[in-house]
Amino acid sequence: MLSEDDRRLLHILSQDCRLTVEDLAIQTGLTADYIKKKIKQWEDDKVIAKYGILINYDQLEEDRVTALIDVKVLPQRGNGYDKIAQRFQKFSEIKSVYLMSEDFDLCIIIEGRNMHEIAQFVSDKLSPLDVIQSTSTRFILRRYKQDGIEFHGEEERPQRLMITP
């Protein structure tokens, strides 16, 4: 169970992992020594799984398409969905794999340069797998917010002209 201090430390790290131990100590009131040990422990225990950045590709002149693919699968006896999810994890195109409720069993997120590249992945690599019953692909058309970061605010929204008779 996390203490309130540890919960606050993790929250601050999740907002900005570039902060120094000294900055974290000032913000949390914890000692730098405690913070170093705690971060090391969390890294070793895979509580902190990755440090990274979030890139707003809309600001760059680079094509990038993200798709959410819902997948209905035949679960394997004794392994359920775990073995299938582990198999999906091996594809470099797949960024995330989630076990889902409702009509589909798994949801995978993939990125490509264009819709054709994603369609090619689904038809050539995903659909032929013997555990796949069906797929449903949805494309992200515009990101408004991701990981708590707003991408398109009020100031960026084009003003609509009022039409009057």
C-alpha atoms as a PDB file:
ATOM      1  CA  MET A   1       0.000   0.000   0.000  1.00  0.00           C
ATOM      2  CA  LEU A   2       1.349   3.435  -0.907  1.00  0.00           C
ATOM      3  CA  SER A   3       1.752   6.120   1.696  1.00  0.00           C
ATOM      4  CA  GLU A   4       0.401   9.593   0.939  1.00  0.00           C
ATOM      5  CA  ASP A   5       4.004  10.837   0.510  1.00  0.00           C
ATOM      6  CA  ASP A   6       4.770   8.078  -2.009  1.00  0.00           C
ATOM      7  CA  ARG A   7       1.507   8.706  -3.849  1.00  0.00           C
ATOM      8  CA  ARG A   8       2.346  12.428  -4.092  1.00  0.00           C
ATOM      9  CA  LEU A   9       5.899  11.648  -5.270  1.00  0.00           C
ATOM     10  CA  LEU A  10       4.640   9.313  -8.005  1.00  0.00           C
ATOM     11  CA  HIS A  11       2.078  11.877  -9.123  1.00  0.00           C
ATOM     12  CA  ILE A  12       4.710  14.617  -9.425  1.00  0.00           C
ATOM     13  CA  LEU A  13       7.042  12.260 -11.328  1.00  0.00           C
ATOM     14  CA  SER A  14       4.227  11.287 -13.683  1.00  0.00           C
ATOM     15  CA  GLN A  15       3.648  14.966 -14.486  1.00  0.00           C
ATOM     16  CA  ASP A  16       7.334  15.743 -15.156  1.00  0.00           C
ATOM     17  CA  CYS A  17       9.960  13.011 -14.978  1.00  0.00           C
ATOM     18  CA  ARG A  18      12.733  15.535 -15.724  1.00  0.00           C
ATOM     19  CA  LEU A  19      12.633  17.029 -12.234  1.00  0.00           C
ATOM     20  CA  THR A  20      15.807  16.602 -10.227  1.00  0.00           C
ATOM     21  CA  VAL A  21      15.857  14.803  -6.892  1.00  0.00           C
ATOM     22  CA  GLU A  22      16.404  18.202  -5.257  1.00  0.00           C
ATOM     23  CA  ASP A  23      13.320  19.650  -6.983  1.00  0.00           C
ATOM     24  CA  LEU A  24      11.295  16.630  -5.891  1.00  0.00           C
ATOM     25  CA  ALA A  25      12.515  17.046  -2.308  1.00  0.00           C
ATOM     26  CA  ILE A  26      11.405  20.676  -2.279  1.00  0.00           C
ATOM     27  CA  GLN A  27       7.982  19.848  -3.716  1.00  0.00           C
ATOM     28  CA  THR A  28       7.304  16.850  -1.471  1.00  0.00           C
ATOM     29  CA  GLY A  29       9.161  17.704   1.739  1.00  0.00           C
ATOM     30  CA  LEU A  30      10.886  14.306   1.545  1.00  0.00           C
ATOM     31  CA  THR A  31      14.644  13.864   1.792  1.00  0.00           C
ATOM     32  CA  ALA A  32      16.692  13.490  -1.371  1.00  0.00           C
ATOM     33  CA  ASP A  33      18.083  10.207  -0.019  1.00  0.00           C
ATOM     34  CA  TYR A  34      14.587   8.775   0.486  1.00  0.00           C
ATOM     35  CA  ILE A  35      13.514   9.878  -3.000  1.00  0.00           C
ATOM     36  CA  LYS A  36      16.567   8.267  -4.660  1.00  0.00           C
ATOM     37  CA  LYS A  37      15.950   4.972  -2.863  1.00  0.00           C
ATOM     38  CA  LYS A  38      12.236   5.015  -3.613  1.00  0.00           C
ATOM     39  CA  ILE A  39      12.730   5.751  -7.324  1.00  0.00           C
ATOM     40  CA  LYS A  40      15.354   2.988  -7.587  1.00  0.00           C
ATOM     41  CA  GLN A  41      12.991   0.546  -5.848  1.00  0.00           C
ATOM     42  CA  TRP A  42      10.097   1.513  -8.149  1.00  0.00           C
ATOM     43  CA  GLU A  43      12.305   1.091 -11.225  1.00  0.00           C
ATOM     44  CA  ASP A  44      13.493  -2.339 -10.033  1.00  0.00           C
ATOM     45  CA  ASP A  45       9.911  -3.413  -9.244  1.00  0.00           C
ATOM     46  CA  LYS A  46       8.669  -2.072 -12.632  1.00  0.00           C
ATOM     47  CA  VAL A  47       6.317   0.354 -10.899  1.00  0.00           C
ATOM     48  CA  ILE A  48       8.068   2.981 -13.011  1.00  0.00           C
ATOM     49  CA  ALA A  49       7.975   1.175 -16.336  1.00  0.00           C
ATOM     50  CA  LYS A  50       9.324   3.903 -18.615  1.00  0.00           C
ATOM     51  CA  TYR A  51      10.356   7.530 -18.801  1.00  0.00           C
ATOM     52  CA  GLY A  52       9.410   9.406 -21.919  1.00  0.00           C
ATOM     53  CA  ILE A  53       8.006  12.340 -23.774  1.00  0.00           C
ATOM     54  CA  LEU A  54       4.718  12.971 -25.526  1.00  0.00           C
ATOM     55  CA  ILE A  55       5.151  14.419 -29.011  1.00  0.00           C
ATOM     56  CA  ASN A  56       2.436  16.477 -30.664  1.00  0.00           C
ATOM     57  CA  TYR A  57       2.866  15.274 -34.242  1.00  0.00           C
ATOM     58  CA  ASP A  58       0.164  17.697 -35.401  1.00  0.00           C
ATOM     59  CA  GLN A  59       2.766  20.464 -34.973  1.00  0.00           C
ATOM     60  CA  LEU A  60       5.229  18.690 -37.287  1.00  0.00           C
ATOM     61  CA  GLU A  61       5.038  18.065 -40.987  1.00  0.00           C
ATOM     62  CA  GLU A  62       5.086  14.330 -40.464  1.00  0.00           C
ATOM     63  CA  ASP A  63       2.378  11.872 -41.391  1.00  0.00           C
ATOM     64  CA  ARG A  64       1.298   9.641 -38.537  1.00  0.00           C
ATOM     65  CA  VAL A  65      -1.885   7.639 -38.124  1.00  0.00           C
ATOM     66  CA  THR A  66      -3.013   5.878 -34.967  1.00  0.00           C
ATOM     67  CA  ALA A  67      -5.559   3.081 -35.038  1.00  0.00           C
ATOM     68  CA  LEU A  68      -7.447   1.243 -32.324  1.00  0.00           C
ATOM     69  CA  ILE A  69      -8.135  -2.307 -33.425  1.00  0.00           C
ATOM     70  CA  ASP A  70     -10.715  -4.285 -31.482  1.00  0.00           C
ATOM     71  CA  VAL A  71     -10.030  -7.998 -31.740  1.00  0.00           C
ATOM     72  CA  LYS A  72     -12.285 -10.980 -31.001  1.00  0.00           C
ATOM     73  CA  VAL A  73     -10.147 -14.043 -30.335  1.00  0.00           C
ATOM     74  CA  LEU A  74     -10.464 -17.698 -29.386  1.00  0.00           C
ATOM     75  CA  PRO A  75      -8.996 -17.908 -25.870  1.00  0.00           C
ATOM     76  CA  GLN A  76      -6.585 -20.784 -25.316  1.00  0.00           C
ATOM     77  CA  ARG A  77      -7.505 -23.422 -22.748  1.00  0.00           C
ATOM     78  CA  GLY A  78      -5.548 -22.913 -19.549  1.00  0.00           C
ATOM     79  CA  ASN A  79      -4.052 -19.615 -20.716  1.00  0.00           C
ATOM     80  CA  GLY A  80      -7.097 -17.478 -21.472  1.00  0.00           C
ATOM     81  CA  TYR A  81      -6.100 -14.304 -23.237  1.00  0.00           C
ATOM     82  CA  ASP A  82      -2.608 -13.964 -21.757  1.00  0.00           C
ATOM     83  CA  LYS A  83      -0.772 -16.072 -24.366  1.00  0.00           C
ATOM     84  CA  ILE A  84      -2.524 -14.252 -27.200  1.00  0.00           C
ATOM     85  CA  ALA A  85      -1.682 -10.844 -25.718  1.00  0.00           C
ATOM     86  CA  GLN A  86       1.950 -11.939 -25.313  1.00  0.00           C
ATOM     87  CA  ARG A  87       1.971 -12.982 -28.960  1.00  0.00           C
ATOM     88  CA  PHE A  88       0.650  -9.550 -29.977  1.00  0.00           C
ATOM     89  CA  GLN A  89       3.321  -7.820 -27.887  1.00  0.00           C
ATOM     90  CA  LYS A  90       6.011  -9.210 -30.197  1.00  0.00           C
ATOM     91  CA  PHE A  91       4.819  -7.100 -33.168  1.00  0.00           C
ATOM     92  CA  SER A  92       6.816  -3.865 -33.269  1.00  0.00           C
ATOM     93  CA  GLU A  93       3.887  -2.038 -34.900  1.00  0.00           C
ATOM     94  CA  ILE A  94       1.693  -2.647 -31.845  1.00  0.00           C
ATOM     95  CA  LYS A  95       2.145   0.078 -29.231  1.00  0.00           C
ATOM     96  CA  SER A  96      -0.399  -1.148 -26.653  1.00  0.00           C
ATOM     97  CA  VAL A  97      -2.504  -4.233 -25.919  1.00  0.00           C
ATOM     98  CA  TYR A  98      -5.498  -4.178 -23.546  1.00  0.00           C
ATOM     99  CA  LEU A  99      -7.932  -6.831 -22.340  1.00  0.00           C
ATOM    100  CA  MET A 100     -11.412  -5.374 -22.783  1.00  0.00           C
ATOM    101  CA  SER A 101     -14.977  -5.955 -21.674  1.00  0.00           C
ATOM    102  CA  GLU A 102     -18.051  -6.119 -23.922  1.00  0.00           C
ATOM    103  CA  ASP A 103     -18.095  -7.356 -27.541  1.00  0.00           C
ATOM    104  CA  PHE A 104     -14.372  -7.602 -28.289  1.00  0.00           C
ATOM    105  CA  ASP A 105     -11.714  -9.302 -26.172  1.00  0.00           C
ATOM    106  CA  LEU A 106      -8.597  -7.257 -26.845  1.00  0.00           C
ATOM    107  CA  CYS A 107      -7.876  -3.763 -28.075  1.00  0.00           C
ATOM    108  CA  ILE A 108      -4.554  -3.031 -29.714  1.00  0.00           C
ATOM    109  CA  ILE A 109      -3.181   0.363 -30.632  1.00  0.00           C
ATOM    110  CA  ILE A 110      -0.865   0.698 -33.592  1.00  0.00           C
ATOM    111  CA  GLU A 111       0.788   3.583 -35.390  1.00  0.00           C
ATOM    112  CA  GLY A 112       1.738   3.906 -39.029  1.00  0.00           C
ATOM    113  CA  ARG A 113       2.618   6.505 -41.632  1.00  0.00           C
ATOM    114  CA  ASN A 114      -0.804   6.215 -43.282  1.00  0.00           C
ATOM    115  CA  MET A 115      -4.031   4.212 -43.310  1.00  0.00           C
ATOM    116  CA  HIS A 116      -2.719   1.910 -46.012  1.00  0.00           C
ATOM    117  CA  GLU A 117       0.224   0.862 -43.826  1.00  0.00           C
ATOM    118  CA  ILE A 118      -2.133  -0.004 -40.968  1.00  0.00           C
ATOM    119  CA  ALA A 119      -4.517  -1.860 -43.303  1.00  0.00           C
ATOM    120  CA  GLN A 120      -1.534  -3.816 -44.618  1.00  0.00           C
ATOM    121  CA  PHE A 121      -0.544  -4.805 -41.064  1.00  0.00           C
ATOM    122  CA  VAL A 122      -4.090  -5.981 -40.274  1.00  0.00           C
ATOM    123  CA  SER A 123      -4.449  -8.008 -43.480  1.00  0.00           C
ATOM    124  CA  ASP A 124      -0.915  -9.440 -43.649  1.00  0.00           C
ATOM    125  CA  LYS A 125       0.045  -9.998 -40.016  1.00  0.00           C
ATOM    126  CA  LEU A 126      -2.960  -9.810 -37.715  1.00  0.00           C
ATOM    127  CA  SER A 127      -5.915 -11.385 -39.536  1.00  0.00           C
ATOM    128  CA  PRO A 128      -4.065 -14.557 -40.604  1.00  0.00           C
ATOM    129  CA  LEU A 129      -3.391 -15.549 -36.977  1.00  0.00           C
ATOM    130  CA  ASP A 130      -5.342 -18.692 -36.123  1.00  0.00           C
ATOM    131  CA  VAL A 131      -6.727 -17.222 -32.873  1.00  0.00           C
ATOM    132  CA  ILE A 132      -8.398 -14.226 -34.566  1.00  0.00           C
ATOM    133  CA  GLN A 133     -12.169 -14.434 -35.052  1.00  0.00           C
ATOM    134  CA  SER A 134     -12.776 -10.839 -36.145  1.00  0.00           C
ATOM    135  CA  THR A 135     -11.365  -7.319 -36.006  1.00  0.00           C
ATOM    136  CA  SER A 136     -12.771  -3.804 -36.081  1.00  0.00           C
ATOM    137  CA  THR A 137     -10.417  -0.944 -36.882  1.00  0.00           C
ATOM    138  CA  ARG A 138     -11.018   2.657 -35.864  1.00  0.00           C
ATOM    139  CA  PHE A 139      -8.694   5.523 -36.781  1.00  0.00           C
ATOM    140  CA  ILE A 140      -7.957   8.494 -34.543  1.00  0.00           C
ATOM    141  CA  LEU A 141      -8.799  11.552 -36.624  1.00  0.00           C
ATOM    142  CA  ARG A 142      -7.703  14.217 -34.150  1.00  0.00           C
ATOM    143  CA  ARG A 143      -6.219  14.173 -30.649  1.00  0.00           C
ATOM    144  CA  TYR A 144      -7.644  16.746 -28.296  1.00  0.00           C
ATOM    145  CA  LYS A 145      -6.060  15.462 -25.091  1.00  0.00           C
ATOM    146  CA  GLN A 146      -3.661  12.632 -24.275  1.00  0.00           C
ATOM    147  CA  ASP A 147      -2.050  11.714 -20.967  1.00  0.00           C
ATOM    148  CA  GLY A 148      -3.515  14.857 -19.427  1.00  0.00           C
ATOM    149  CA  ILE A 149      -2.014  17.143 -22.089  1.00  0.00           C
ATOM    150  CA  GLU A 150      -4.360  19.286 -24.185  1.00  0.00           C
ATOM    151  CA  PHE A 151      -3.402  19.463 -27.852  1.00  0.00           C
ATOM    152  CA  HIS A 152      -6.044  21.809 -29.227  1.00  0.00           C
ATOM    153  CA  GLY A 153      -7.246  24.665 -27.067  1.00  0.00           C
ATOM    154  CA  GLU A 154      -9.800  27.392 -27.628  1.00  0.00           C
ATOM    155  CA  GLU A 155      -7.225  29.732 -29.167  1.00  0.00           C
ATOM    156  CA  GLU A 156      -6.407  27.215 -31.921  1.00  0.00           C
ATOM    157  CA  ARG A 157     -10.010  26.559 -32.919  1.00  0.00           C
ATOM    158  CA  PRO A 158     -10.933  28.398 -36.124  1.00  0.00           C
ATOM    159  CA  GLN A 159     -13.823  30.785 -35.621  1.00  0.00           C
ATOM    160  CA  ARG A 160     -16.965  29.808 -37.490  1.00  0.00           C
ATOM    161  CA  LEU A 161     -18.667  32.485 -39.492  1.00  0.00           C
ATOM    162  CA  MET A 162     -22.215  33.241 -38.431  1.00  0.00           C
ATOM    163  CA  ILE A 163     -24.715  32.696 -41.214  1.00  0.00           C
ATOM    164  CA  THR A 164     -27.735  34.942 -41.076  1.00  0.00           C
ATOM    165  CA  PRO A 165     -30.502  35.510 -43.629  1.00  0.00           C
END
